[in-house]
C-alpha atoms as a PDB file:
ATOM      1  CA  MET A   1       0.000   0.000   0.000  1.00  0.00           C
ATOM      2  CA  THR A   2       1.551   3.365  -0.996  1.00  0.00           C
ATOM      3  CA  TYR A   3       1.640   6.272   1.443  1.00  0.00           C
ATOM      4  CA  ASP A   4      -0.984   8.298  -0.451  1.00  0.00           C
ATOM      5  CA  ARG A   5      -3.351   5.278  -0.508  1.00  0.00           C
ATOM      6  CA  LEU A   6      -2.678   4.707   3.194  1.00  0.00           C
ATOM      7  CA  ASP A   7      -3.504   8.344   3.916  1.00  0.00           C
ATOM      8  CA  ARG A   8      -6.798   8.062   2.031  1.00  0.00           C
ATOM      9  CA  TRP A   9      -7.654   4.838   3.839  1.00  0.00           C
ATOM     10  CA  LEU A  10      -7.057   6.520   7.198  1.00  0.00           C
ATOM     11  CA  GLY A  11      -9.195   9.492   6.213  1.00  0.00           C
ATOM     12  CA  TRP A  12      -6.387  12.049   5.866  1.00  0.00           C
ATOM     13  CA  ARG A  13      -6.848  15.079   3.655  1.00  0.00           C
ATOM     14  CA  PRO A  14      -4.353  17.822   2.709  1.00  0.00           C
ATOM     15  CA  GLY A  15      -4.205  20.422   5.449  1.00  0.00           C
ATOM     16  CA  CYS A  16      -5.119  17.918   8.181  1.00  0.00           C
ATOM     17  CA  ASP A  17      -2.822  16.470  10.773  1.00  0.00           C
ATOM     18  CA  VAL A  18      -1.151  13.219   9.701  1.00  0.00           C
ATOM     19  CA  PRO A  19      -3.198  10.387  11.266  1.00  0.00           C
ATOM     20  CA  GLU A  20      -1.826   7.562  13.331  1.00  0.00           C
ATOM     21  CA  LEU A  21      -1.898   4.004  12.001  1.00  0.00           C
ATOM     22  CA  PRO A  22      -4.606   2.173  14.021  1.00  0.00           C
ATOM     23  CA  ALA A  23      -2.113  -0.395  15.269  1.00  0.00           C
ATOM     24  CA  ARG A  24      -4.145  -1.414  18.327  1.00  0.00           C
ATOM     25  CA  GLU A  25      -7.282  -1.936  16.238  1.00  0.00           C
ATOM     26  CA  ILE A  26      -5.365  -4.018  13.712  1.00  0.00           C
ATOM     27  CA  GLU A  27      -3.726  -6.119  16.429  1.00  0.00           C
ATOM     28  CA  CYS A  28      -7.091  -6.687  18.099  1.00  0.00           C
ATOM     29  CA  PHE A  29      -8.678  -7.753  14.811  1.00  0.00           C
ATOM     30  CA  LEU A  30      -5.838 -10.204  14.100  1.00  0.00           C
ATOM     31  CA  VAL A  31      -6.014 -11.778  17.569  1.00  0.00           C
ATOM     32  CA  LEU A  32      -9.814 -12.053  17.401  1.00  0.00           C
ATOM     33  CA  ALA A  33      -9.511 -13.679  13.972  1.00  0.00           C
ATOM     34  CA  GLU A  34      -7.317 -16.372  15.577  1.00  0.00           C
ATOM     35  CA  GLU A  35      -9.364 -16.894  18.723  1.00  0.00           C
ATOM     36  CA  LEU A  36     -12.896 -16.233  17.377  1.00  0.00           C
ATOM     37  CA  HIS A  37     -13.775 -15.474  20.980  1.00  0.00           C
ATOM     38  CA  PHE A  38     -13.969 -12.035  22.641  1.00  0.00           C
ATOM     39  CA  GLY A  39     -13.078 -13.371  26.072  1.00  0.00           C
ATOM     40  CA  ARG A  40      -9.908 -15.160  24.972  1.00  0.00           C
ATOM     41  CA  THR A  41      -8.932 -12.166  22.847  1.00  0.00           C
ATOM     42  CA  ALA A  42      -9.291  -9.923  25.879  1.00  0.00           C
ATOM     43  CA  GLU A  43      -7.124 -12.261  27.966  1.00  0.00           C
ATOM     44  CA  ARG A  44      -4.362 -12.379  25.340  1.00  0.00           C
ATOM     45  CA  MET A  45      -4.329  -8.601  24.982  1.00  0.00           C
ATOM     46  CA  PHE A  46      -4.779  -7.848  28.713  1.00  0.00           C
ATOM     47  CA  LEU A  47      -7.921  -5.864  27.966  1.00  0.00           C
ATOM     48  CA  SER A  48     -11.544  -5.990  29.038  1.00  0.00           C
ATOM     49  CA  GLN A  49     -14.064  -7.582  26.695  1.00  0.00           C
ATOM     50  CA  SER A  50     -15.797  -4.238  26.322  1.00  0.00           C
ATOM     51  CA  ARG A  51     -12.523  -2.641  25.188  1.00  0.00           C
ATOM     52  CA  VAL A  52     -12.015  -5.417  22.621  1.00  0.00           C
ATOM     53  CA  SER A  53     -15.532  -4.787  21.332  1.00  0.00           C
ATOM     54  CA  GLN A  54     -14.800  -1.050  21.112  1.00  0.00           C
ATOM     55  CA  LEU A  55     -11.602  -1.617  19.132  1.00  0.00           C
ATOM     56  CA  ILE A  56     -13.307  -3.978  16.680  1.00  0.00           C
ATOM     57  CA  SER A  57     -16.224  -1.575  16.215  1.00  0.00           C
ATOM     58  CA  SER A  58     -13.825   1.298  15.625  1.00  0.00           C
ATOM     59  CA  PHE A  59     -11.913  -0.739  13.056  1.00  0.00           C
ATOM     60  CA  GLU A  60     -15.153  -1.668  11.279  1.00  0.00           C
ATOM     61  CA  ARG A  61     -16.139   2.011  11.114  1.00  0.00           C
ATOM     62  CA  ARG A  62     -12.741   2.830   9.679  1.00  0.00           C
ATOM     63  CA  ILE A  63     -13.157   0.140   7.003  1.00  0.00           C
ATOM     64  CA  GLY A  64     -16.782   1.020   6.400  1.00  0.00           C
ATOM     65  CA  ALA A  65     -18.275  -2.458   6.710  1.00  0.00           C
ATOM     66  CA  GLN A  66     -18.858  -5.290   9.166  1.00  0.00           C
ATOM     67  CA  LEU A  67     -15.815  -7.544   9.595  1.00  0.00           C
ATOM     68  CA  VAL A  68     -16.993  -9.800  12.431  1.00  0.00           C
ATOM     69  CA  ALA A  69     -20.369 -11.508  12.761  1.00  0.00           C
ATOM     70  CA  ARG A  70     -21.318 -11.786  16.437  1.00  0.00           C
ATOM     71  CA  THR A  71     -24.004 -13.981  17.967  1.00  0.00           C
ATOM     72  CA  SER A  72     -24.608 -15.147  21.517  1.00  0.00           C
ATOM     73  CA  ARG A  73     -22.904 -18.461  20.739  1.00  0.00           C
ATOM     74  CA  ARG A  74     -20.221 -17.839  18.137  1.00  0.00           C
ATOM     75  CA  VAL A  75     -17.957 -15.328  16.479  1.00  0.00           C
ATOM     76  CA  GLN A  76     -16.936 -15.598  12.855  1.00  0.00           C
ATOM     77  CA  LEU A  77     -15.438 -13.385  10.195  1.00  0.00           C
ATOM     78  CA  THR A  78     -17.593 -12.003   7.424  1.00  0.00           C
ATOM     79  CA  ASP A  79     -16.441 -12.617   3.851  1.00  0.00           C
ATOM     80  CA  LEU A  80     -14.860  -9.163   3.820  1.00  0.00           C
ATOM     81  CA  GLY A  81     -13.251  -9.825   7.197  1.00  0.00           C
ATOM     82  CA  ALA A  82     -11.736 -13.086   5.925  1.00  0.00           C
ATOM     83  CA  ASP A  83     -10.417 -11.378   2.784  1.00  0.00           C
ATOM     84  CA  LEU A  84      -8.943  -8.555   4.863  1.00  0.00           C
ATOM     85  CA  LEU A  85      -7.301 -11.067   7.211  1.00  0.00           C
ATOM     86  CA  ALA A  86      -5.642 -12.885   4.286  1.00  0.00           C
ATOM     87  CA  SER A  87      -3.972  -9.647   3.149  1.00  0.00           C
ATOM     88  CA  LEU A  88      -3.450  -7.968   6.511  1.00  0.00           C
ATOM     89  CA  ALA A  89      -1.888 -10.831   8.507  1.00  0.00           C
ATOM     90  CA  PRO A  90       1.236 -11.301   6.325  1.00  0.00           C
ATOM     91  CA  ALA A  91       1.668  -7.522   5.976  1.00  0.00           C
ATOM     92  CA  HIS A  92       1.502  -7.161   9.762  1.00  0.00           C
ATOM     93  CA  ARG A  93       4.045  -9.966  10.259  1.00  0.00           C
ATOM     94  CA  ALA A  94       6.356  -8.293   7.742  1.00  0.00           C
ATOM     95  CA  LEU A  95       6.041  -4.945   9.546  1.00  0.00           C
ATOM     96  CA  VAL A  96       6.806  -6.557  12.906  1.00  0.00           C
ATOM     97  CA  SER A  97       9.825  -8.305  11.355  1.00  0.00           C
ATOM     98  CA  VAL A  98      11.170  -5.008   9.980  1.00  0.00           C
ATOM     99  CA  VAL A  99      10.820  -3.328  13.367  1.00  0.00           C
ATOM    100  CA  GLU A 100      12.485  -6.256  15.162  1.00  0.00           C
ATOM    101  CA  GLU A 101      15.368  -6.186  12.682  1.00  0.00           C
ATOM    102  CA  ALA A 102      15.827  -2.459  13.244  1.00  0.00           C
ATOM    103  CA  GLN A 103      15.793  -3.023  17.012  1.00  0.00           C
ATOM    104  CA  ALA A 104      18.424  -5.750  16.664  1.00  0.00           C
ATOM    105  CA  ARG A 105      20.641  -3.431  14.622  1.00  0.00           C
ATOM    106  CA  ALA A 106      20.146  -0.658  17.164  1.00  0.00           C
ATOM    107  CA  ARG A 107      21.326  -3.045  19.895  1.00  0.00           C
ATOM    108  CA  ASP A 108      24.270  -3.996  17.683  1.00  0.00           C
ATOM    109  CA  LEU A 109      22.977  -7.549  17.298  1.00  0.00           C
ATOM    110  CA  PRO A 110      23.442  -9.669  14.156  1.00  0.00           C
ATOM    111  CA  THR A 111      20.754  -9.339  11.489  1.00  0.00           C
ATOM    112  CA  PRO A 112      18.733 -12.584  11.288  1.00  0.00           C
ATOM    113  CA  PHE A 113      18.548 -14.384   7.937  1.00  0.00           C
ATOM    114  CA  ARG A 114      15.781 -16.977   8.071  1.00  0.00           C
ATOM    115  CA  VAL A 115      16.214 -20.172   6.037  1.00  0.00           C
ATOM    116  CA  GLY A 116      13.524 -22.852   5.882  1.00  0.00           C
ATOM    117  CA  PHE A 117      14.072 -26.468   4.922  1.00  0.00           C
ATOM    118  CA  GLN A 118      11.960 -29.593   4.473  1.00  0.00           C
ATOM    119  CA  GLY A 119      13.023 -32.841   6.095  1.00  0.00           C
ATOM    120  CA  VAL A 120      16.746 -32.402   6.694  1.00  0.00           C
ATOM    121  CA  VAL A 121      19.493 -29.871   6.048  1.00  0.00           C
ATOM    122  CA  TYR A 122      21.454 -31.552   3.268  1.00  0.00           C
ATOM    123  CA  GLU A 123      25.256 -31.397   3.329  1.00  0.00           C
ATOM    124  CA  PRO A 124      25.647 -28.753   0.549  1.00  0.00           C
ATOM    125  CA  VAL A 125      23.117 -26.508   2.286  1.00  0.00           C
ATOM    126  CA  ALA A 126      24.899 -26.931   5.633  1.00  0.00           C
ATOM    127  CA  ARG A 127      28.209 -25.981   3.967  1.00  0.00           C
ATOM    128  CA  ALA A 128      26.549 -22.985   2.361  1.00  0.00           C
ATOM    129  CA  VAL A 129      25.152 -21.796   5.709  1.00  0.00           C
ATOM    130  CA  SER A 130      28.617 -21.963   7.288  1.00  0.00           C
ATOM    131  CA  ALA A 131      30.246 -20.155   4.360  1.00  0.00           C
ATOM    132  CA  PHE A 132      27.517 -17.504   4.283  1.00  0.00           C
ATOM    133  CA  GLU A 133      27.960 -16.720   7.974  1.00  0.00           C
ATOM    134  CA  ARG A 134      31.735 -16.513   7.542  1.00  0.00           C
ATOM    135  CA  ASN A 135      31.335 -14.053   4.678  1.00  0.00           C
ATOM    136  CA  HIS A 136      28.625 -12.041   6.461  1.00  0.00           C
ATOM    137  CA  PRO A 137      29.723 -11.722  10.114  1.00  0.00           C
ATOM    138  CA  ARG A 138      26.873  -9.281  10.844  1.00  0.00           C
ATOM    139  CA  VAL A 139      24.281 -11.867   9.779  1.00  0.00           C
ATOM    140  CA  SER A 140      23.022 -14.809  11.843  1.00  0.00           C
ATOM    141  CA  VAL A 141      21.355 -17.652   9.915  1.00  0.00           C
ATOM    142  CA  ASP A 142      18.209 -18.944  11.585  1.00  0.00           C
ATOM    143  CA  LEU A 143      17.330 -22.459  10.337  1.00  0.00           C
ATOM    144  CA  ARG A 144      13.687 -23.511  10.594  1.00  0.00           C
ATOM    145  CA  GLU A 145      12.169 -26.865   9.635  1.00  0.00           C
ATOM    146  CA  LEU A 146       9.103 -26.623   7.416  1.00  0.00           C
ATOM    147  CA  PRO A 147       6.109 -28.936   7.723  1.00  0.00           C
ATOM    148  CA  LEU A 148       6.278 -31.636   5.065  1.00  0.00           C
ATOM    149  CA  GLY A 149       2.822 -30.726   3.782  1.00  0.00           C
ATOM    150  CA  ASP A 150       3.238 -26.935   3.924  1.00  0.00           C
ATOM    151  CA  PRO A 151       6.347 -25.977   1.944  1.00  0.00           C
ATOM    152  CA  PHE A 152       5.388 -22.459   0.849  1.00  0.00           C
ATOM    153  CA  SER A 153       3.292 -20.681   3.489  1.00  0.00           C
ATOM    154  CA  ASP A 154       6.150 -19.355   5.634  1.00  0.00           C
ATOM    155  CA  VAL A 155       8.143 -17.902   2.768  1.00  0.00           C
ATOM    156  CA  LEU A 156       5.009 -16.463   1.135  1.00  0.00           C
ATOM    157  CA  ALA A 157       4.094 -14.816   4.456  1.00  0.00           C
ATOM    158  CA  ARG A 158       7.637 -13.390   4.752  1.00  0.00           C
ATOM    159  CA  ARG A 159       8.347 -15.391   7.900  1.00  0.00           C
ATOM    160  CA  LEU A 160      11.351 -16.762   5.979  1.00  0.00           C
ATOM    161  CA  ASP A 161      13.832 -15.082   3.665  1.00  0.00           C
ATOM    162  CA  VAL A 162      14.483 -18.225   1.600  1.00  0.00           C
ATOM    163  CA  ALA A 163      13.436 -21.863   1.749  1.00  0.00           C
ATOM    164  CA  VAL A 164      14.760 -25.164   0.429  1.00  0.00           C
ATOM    165  CA  VAL A 165      11.638 -27.022  -0.677  1.00  0.00           C
ATOM    166  CA  LEU A 166      10.648 -30.077  -2.642  1.00  0.00           C
ATOM    167  CA  LEU A 167       9.648 -29.280  -6.207  1.00  0.00           C
ATOM    168  CA  PRO A 168       7.418 -28.650  -8.067  1.00  0.00           C
ATOM    169  CA  VAL A 169       6.876 -24.947  -7.311  1.00  0.00           C
ATOM    170  CA  ASP A 170       4.244 -23.099  -9.297  1.00  0.00           C
ATOM    171  CA  GLU A 171       3.544 -20.049  -7.135  1.00  0.00           C
ATOM    172  CA  PRO A 172       3.371 -16.669  -8.925  1.00  0.00           C
ATOM    173  CA  ASP A 173       4.846 -14.838  -5.921  1.00  0.00           C
ATOM    174  CA  LEU A 174       7.881 -17.141  -5.601  1.00  0.00           C
ATOM    175  CA  VAL A 175      11.177 -17.270  -7.498  1.00  0.00           C
ATOM    176  CA  THR A 176      12.890 -20.632  -7.910  1.00  0.00           C
ATOM    177  CA  GLY A 177      16.505 -19.529  -7.914  1.00  0.00           C
ATOM    178  CA  LEU A 178      18.247 -22.893  -7.922  1.00  0.00           C
ATOM    179  CA  VAL A 179      17.237 -26.508  -8.578  1.00  0.00           C
ATOM    180  CA  PHE A 180      19.385 -29.331  -7.247  1.00  0.00           C
ATOM    181  CA  SER A 181      19.498 -32.815  -5.710  1.00  0.00           C
ATOM    182  CA  GLU A 182      17.344 -34.555  -8.299  1.00  0.00           C
ATOM    183  CA  GLN A 183      16.620 -37.988  -6.850  1.00  0.00           C
ATOM    184  CA  PRO A 184      14.343 -40.976  -7.519  1.00  0.00           C
ATOM    185  CA  GLN A 185      11.501 -41.575  -5.105  1.00  0.00           C
ATOM    186  CA  VAL A 186      11.576 -44.477  -2.658  1.00  0.00           C
ATOM    187  CA  LEU A 187       8.955 -46.248  -0.557  1.00  0.00           C
ATOM    188  CA  ALA A 188       9.585 -46.508   3.175  1.00  0.00           C
ATOM    189  CA  VAL A 189       8.071 -49.660   4.722  1.00  0.00           C
ATOM    190  CA  SER A 190       8.597 -51.498   7.996  1.00  0.00           C
ATOM    191  CA  ALA A 191      11.428 -54.017   8.130  1.00  0.00           C
ATOM    192  CA  ASP A 192       8.983 -56.952   8.188  1.00  0.00           C
ATOM    193  CA  HIS A 193       6.853 -55.728   5.284  1.00  0.00           C
ATOM    194  CA  PRO A 194       6.842 -58.111   2.247  1.00  0.00           C
ATOM    195  CA  LEU A 195       7.849 -55.256  -0.092  1.00  0.00           C
ATOM    196  CA  GLY A 196      10.872 -54.528   2.109  1.00  0.00           C
ATOM    197  CA  THR A 197      12.699 -57.574   0.723  1.00  0.00           C
ATOM    198  CA  LEU A 198      12.590 -56.303  -2.891  1.00  0.00           C
ATOM    199  CA  ASP A 199      15.340 -54.401  -4.704  1.00  0.00           C
ATOM    200  CA  GLU A 200      12.756 -52.129  -6.315  1.00  0.00           C
ATOM    201  CA  ILE A 201       9.050 -51.922  -7.094  1.00  0.00           C
ATOM    202  CA  THR A 202       7.014 -50.294  -9.849  1.00  0.00           C
ATOM    203  CA  ALA A 203       4.675 -47.375  -9.288  1.00  0.00           C
ATOM    204  CA  GLU A 204       1.726 -49.672  -9.996  1.00  0.00           C
ATOM    205  CA  GLU A 205       2.747 -51.925  -7.080  1.00  0.00           C
ATOM    206  CA  LEU A 206       2.061 -49.022  -4.709  1.00  0.00           C
ATOM    207  CA  ALA A 207      -1.543 -50.209  -4.872  1.00  0.00           C
ATOM    208  CA  ASP A 208      -0.435 -53.153  -2.684  1.00  0.00           C
ATOM    209  CA  VAL A 209       0.273 -50.958   0.344  1.00  0.00           C
ATOM    210  CA  SER A 210      -1.615 -48.296   2.305  1.00  0.00           C
ATOM    211  CA  LEU A 211       0.282 -45.033   1.981  1.00  0.00           C
ATOM    212  CA  VAL A 212       0.641 -42.458   4.748  1.00  0.00           C
ATOM    213  CA  PRO A 213      -0.656 -39.256   3.106  1.00  0.00           C
ATOM    214  CA  VAL A 214       1.061 -35.912   3.563  1.00  0.00           C
ATOM    215  CA  THR A 215      -1.214 -33.581   5.524  1.00  0.00           C
ATOM    216  CA  GLY A 216      -1.183 -29.812   5.258  1.00  0.00           C
ATOM    217  CA  PRO A 217      -2.160 -26.942   2.950  1.00  0.00           C
ATOM    218  CA  ALA A 218       0.304 -27.774   0.151  1.00  0.00           C
ATOM    219  CA  PRO A 219      -1.243 -27.137  -3.282  1.00  0.00           C
ATOM    220  CA  GLU A 220      -2.758 -30.071  -5.143  1.00  0.00           C
ATOM    221  CA  TYR A 221      -0.125 -30.027  -7.908  1.00  0.00           C
ATOM    222  CA  TRP A 222       2.538 -30.559  -5.233  1.00  0.00           C
ATOM    223  CA  LYS A 223       0.597 -33.319  -3.473  1.00  0.00           C
ATOM    224  CA  ARG A 224       0.087 -35.195  -6.755  1.00  0.00           C
ATOM    225  CA  VAL A 225       3.869 -35.711  -6.821  1.00  0.00           C
ATOM    226  CA  HIS A 226       4.634 -36.350  -3.141  1.00  0.00           C
ATOM    227  CA  SER A 227       1.330 -37.777  -1.903  1.00  0.00           C
ATOM    228  CA  PRO A 228      -0.404 -39.215  -4.989  1.00  0.00           C
ATOM    229  CA  ARG A 229      -3.931 -40.566  -4.873  1.00  0.00           C
ATOM    230  CA  THR A 230      -3.578 -42.896  -7.851  1.00  0.00           C
ATOM    231  CA  THR A 231      -0.812 -44.790  -9.624  1.00  0.00           C
ATOM    232  CA  PRO A 232       0.323 -43.508 -13.046  1.00  0.00           C
ATOM    233  CA  GLY A 233      -1.985 -46.162 -14.518  1.00  0.00           C
ATOM    234  CA  GLY A 234      -4.992 -44.774 -12.671  1.00  0.00           C
ATOM    235  CA  ILE A 235      -5.350 -47.338  -9.856  1.00  0.00           C
ATOM    236  CA  ALA A 236      -6.658 -45.680  -6.680  1.00  0.00           C
ATOM    237  CA  LEU A 237      -4.173 -45.801  -3.804  1.00  0.00           C
ATOM    238  CA  ARG A 238      -5.219 -46.709  -0.285  1.00  0.00           C
ATOM    239  CA  THR A 239      -4.228 -44.368   2.550  1.00  0.00           C
ATOM    240  CA  ARG A 240      -3.836 -44.737   6.278  1.00  0.00           C
ATOM    241  CA  GLY A 241      -3.090 -42.135   8.944  1.00  0.00           C
ATOM    242  CA  GLY A 242      -1.425 -38.896   7.906  1.00  0.00           C
ATOM    243  CA  ALA A 243       1.853 -37.079   8.529  1.00  0.00           C
ATOM    244  CA  SER A 244       2.855 -33.416   8.641  1.00  0.00           C
ATOM    245  CA  THR A 245       6.581 -34.203   9.097  1.00  0.00           C
ATOM    246  CA  VAL A 246       8.975 -36.868   7.850  1.00  0.00           C
ATOM    247  CA  GLN A 247       9.474 -38.217  11.365  1.00  0.00           C
ATOM    248  CA  GLU A 248       5.719 -38.522  11.932  1.00  0.00           C
ATOM    249  CA  GLY A 249       5.416 -40.499   8.721  1.00  0.00           C
ATOM    250  CA  LEU A 250       8.336 -42.786   9.518  1.00  0.00           C
ATOM    251  CA  SER A 251       6.964 -43.473  12.999  1.00  0.00           C
ATOM    252  CA  GLN A 252       3.679 -44.620  11.464  1.00  0.00           C
ATOM    253  CA  VAL A 253       5.534 -46.753   8.901  1.00  0.00           C
ATOM    254  CA  ALA A 254       7.617 -48.480  11.575  1.00  0.00           C
ATOM    255  CA  SER A 255       4.571 -49.352  13.681  1.00  0.00           C
ATOM    256  CA  SER A 256       2.298 -50.622  10.901  1.00  0.00           C
ATOM    257  CA  HIS A 257       2.255 -52.038   7.395  1.00  0.00           C
ATOM    258  CA  SER A 258       1.831 -48.589   5.864  1.00  0.00           C
ATOM    259  CA  GLY A 259       4.232 -47.010   3.383  1.00  0.00           C
ATOM    260  CA  LEU A 260       5.576 -43.489   2.900  1.00  0.00           C
ATOM    261  CA  LEU A 261       6.967 -41.970  -0.289  1.00  0.00           C
ATOM    262  CA  LEU A 262      10.202 -40.026   0.150  1.00  0.00           C
ATOM    263  CA  CYS A 263      12.995 -38.766  -2.055  1.00  0.00           C
ATOM    264  CA  ALA A 264      16.138 -40.927  -1.998  1.00  0.00           C
ATOM    265  CA  ALA A 265      18.199 -38.172  -0.353  1.00  0.00           C
ATOM    266  CA  THR A 266      15.814 -37.886   2.607  1.00  0.00           C
ATOM    267  CA  ALA A 267      15.797 -41.678   2.891  1.00  0.00           C
ATOM    268  CA  ALA A 268      19.605 -41.704   3.037  1.00  0.00           C
ATOM    269  CA  TYR A 269      19.513 -39.264   5.969  1.00  0.00           C
ATOM    270  CA  SER A 270      16.731 -41.209   7.713  1.00  0.00           C
ATOM    271  CA  GLN A 271      18.200 -44.712   7.908  1.00  0.00           C
ATOM    272  CA  ARG A 272      16.955 -46.825  10.803  1.00  0.00           C
ATOM    273  CA  SER A 273      16.967 -50.552  11.527  1.00  0.00           C
ATOM    274  CA  ASP A 274      13.187 -50.968  11.618  1.00  0.00           C
ATOM    275  CA  ILE A 275      12.528 -49.406   8.195  1.00  0.00           C
ATOM    276  CA  ARG A 276      13.455 -50.405   4.635  1.00  0.00           C
ATOM    277  CA  PHE A 277      13.619 -47.971   1.714  1.00  0.00           C
ATOM    278  CA  VAL A 278      12.662 -49.497  -1.635  1.00  0.00           C
ATOM    279  CA  PRO A 279      13.275 -47.582  -4.915  1.00  0.00           C
ATOM    280  CA  VAL A 280      10.116 -46.983  -6.962  1.00  0.00           C
ATOM    281  CA  THR A 281      10.294 -46.920 -10.757  1.00  0.00           C
ATOM    282  CA  GLY A 282       7.775 -45.084 -12.902  1.00  0.00           C
ATOM    283  CA  LEU A 283       7.331 -42.022 -10.646  1.00  0.00           C
ATOM    284  CA  PRO A 284       8.596 -38.496 -11.376  1.00  0.00           C
ATOM    285  CA  SER A 285      11.999 -37.748  -9.871  1.00  0.00           C
ATOM    286  CA  SER A 286      12.126 -35.561  -6.798  1.00  0.00           C
ATOM    287  CA  ALA A 287      14.232 -32.393  -6.675  1.00  0.00           C
ATOM    288  CA  LEU A 288      14.899 -29.505  -4.335  1.00  0.00           C
ATOM    289  CA  GLY A 289      14.579 -25.830  -5.104  1.00  0.00           C
ATOM    290  CA  LEU A 290      15.786 -22.691  -3.342  1.00  0.00           C
ATOM    291  CA  VAL A 291      12.873 -20.259  -3.382  1.00  0.00           C
ATOM    292  CA  TRP A 292      12.103 -16.754  -2.162  1.00  0.00           C
ATOM    293  CA  ARG A 293       9.430 -14.116  -2.641  1.00  0.00           C
ATOM    294  CA  THR A 294       9.611 -12.196  -5.903  1.00  0.00           C
ATOM    295  CA  ASP A 295       9.371  -8.898  -4.012  1.00  0.00           C
ATOM    296  CA  HIS A 296      11.930  -9.935  -1.383  1.00  0.00           C
ATOM    297  CA  GLU A 297      15.082 -10.447  -3.459  1.00  0.00           C
ATOM    298  CA  SER A 298      17.538  -8.658  -1.190  1.00  0.00           C
ATOM    299  CA  PRO A 299      21.340  -8.657  -1.529  1.00  0.00           C
ATOM    300  CA  HIS A 300      21.499 -11.226   1.270  1.00  0.00           C
ATOM    301  CA  VAL A 301      19.113 -13.498  -0.633  1.00  0.00           C
ATOM    302  CA  ARG A 302      21.207 -13.245  -3.796  1.00  0.00           C
ATOM    303  CA  HIS A 303      24.429 -13.864  -1.882  1.00  0.00           C
ATOM    304  CA  PHE A 304      22.954 -16.900  -0.139  1.00  0.00           C
ATOM    305  CA  ALA A 305      21.767 -18.367  -3.451  1.00  0.00           C
ATOM    306  CA  LYS A 306      25.253 -17.839  -4.891  1.00  0.00           C
ATOM    307  CA  THR A 307      26.812 -19.525  -1.840  1.00  0.00           C
ATOM    308  CA  VAL A 308      24.536 -22.562  -2.195  1.00  0.00           C
ATOM    309  CA  ALA A 309      25.440 -22.786  -5.899  1.00  0.00           C
ATOM    310  CA  GLU A 310      29.136 -22.705  -4.999  1.00  0.00           C
ATOM    311  CA  ALA A 311      28.621 -25.439  -2.374  1.00  0.00           C
ATOM    312  CA  LEU A 312      27.032 -27.534  -5.119  1.00  0.00           C
ATOM    313  CA  GLY A 313      29.989 -26.908  -7.431  1.00  0.00           C
ATOM    314  CA  ARG A 314      28.003 -24.706  -9.816  1.00  0.00           C
ATOM    315  CA  SER A 315      29.889 -21.434  -9.443  1.00  0.00           C
END
């Protein structure tokens, strides 16, 4: 939002005093959108329920429409309120992040550089992190594991600067700066599973096992690769349980006759005596990509991408 549009939104006109951003109203709206309960919102914000109601009403007057539907039994967002939340929440997180970074610099603390990863931090990425910190002593790399079934939300919401995610990526707001570690997919099964004795299986043989599906808000095009519902030949696949992380999925595999699809690299880092990893032919290869927001391509992002490329021998 540009400054002139922000001024119009706040009701400012030339010749008037510059208005204050309604930060308390915005914060109250965001907390209420999470809690959907005036009492819990009041507790989190150390306010009375009447004050929460006043802030929400004031924010609705500022917007010019109802944002929250209230009844004696429930609270829910209106359609406009839900649309506003989808745009406002990431913008608010980004603003808070900018202020926190400025505070860190003012206290002479290292600037955080937030890197997300799925599954494990592979050796080239670990080398790149070490080299990046050596070359940028005023930057501290903060590594955060991403949910297996939610590879993009944190980087799209600007909670991360970059992320190493499983491809494919088809998000208009993301740049895929580097693709690496192309690997075949493997099936993880318990050590006593009949398929565990085979050197490899075909994609059609996946119909012989119940797969642990990946849970989370990943887009359907991504799930079709990493948590398919049918074999390439169109046979419906059975599912059992559900996993939001690699370790959750492997725990379910080890304790049942379920299977979990993984890339070969993740399997290599996840070896354990009670699980076998069987290569699967006939499935698309898995690959990793380094991604970041299109509008967040800072010098640090470019330098980190270059460092990862050098760690992979692609300089």
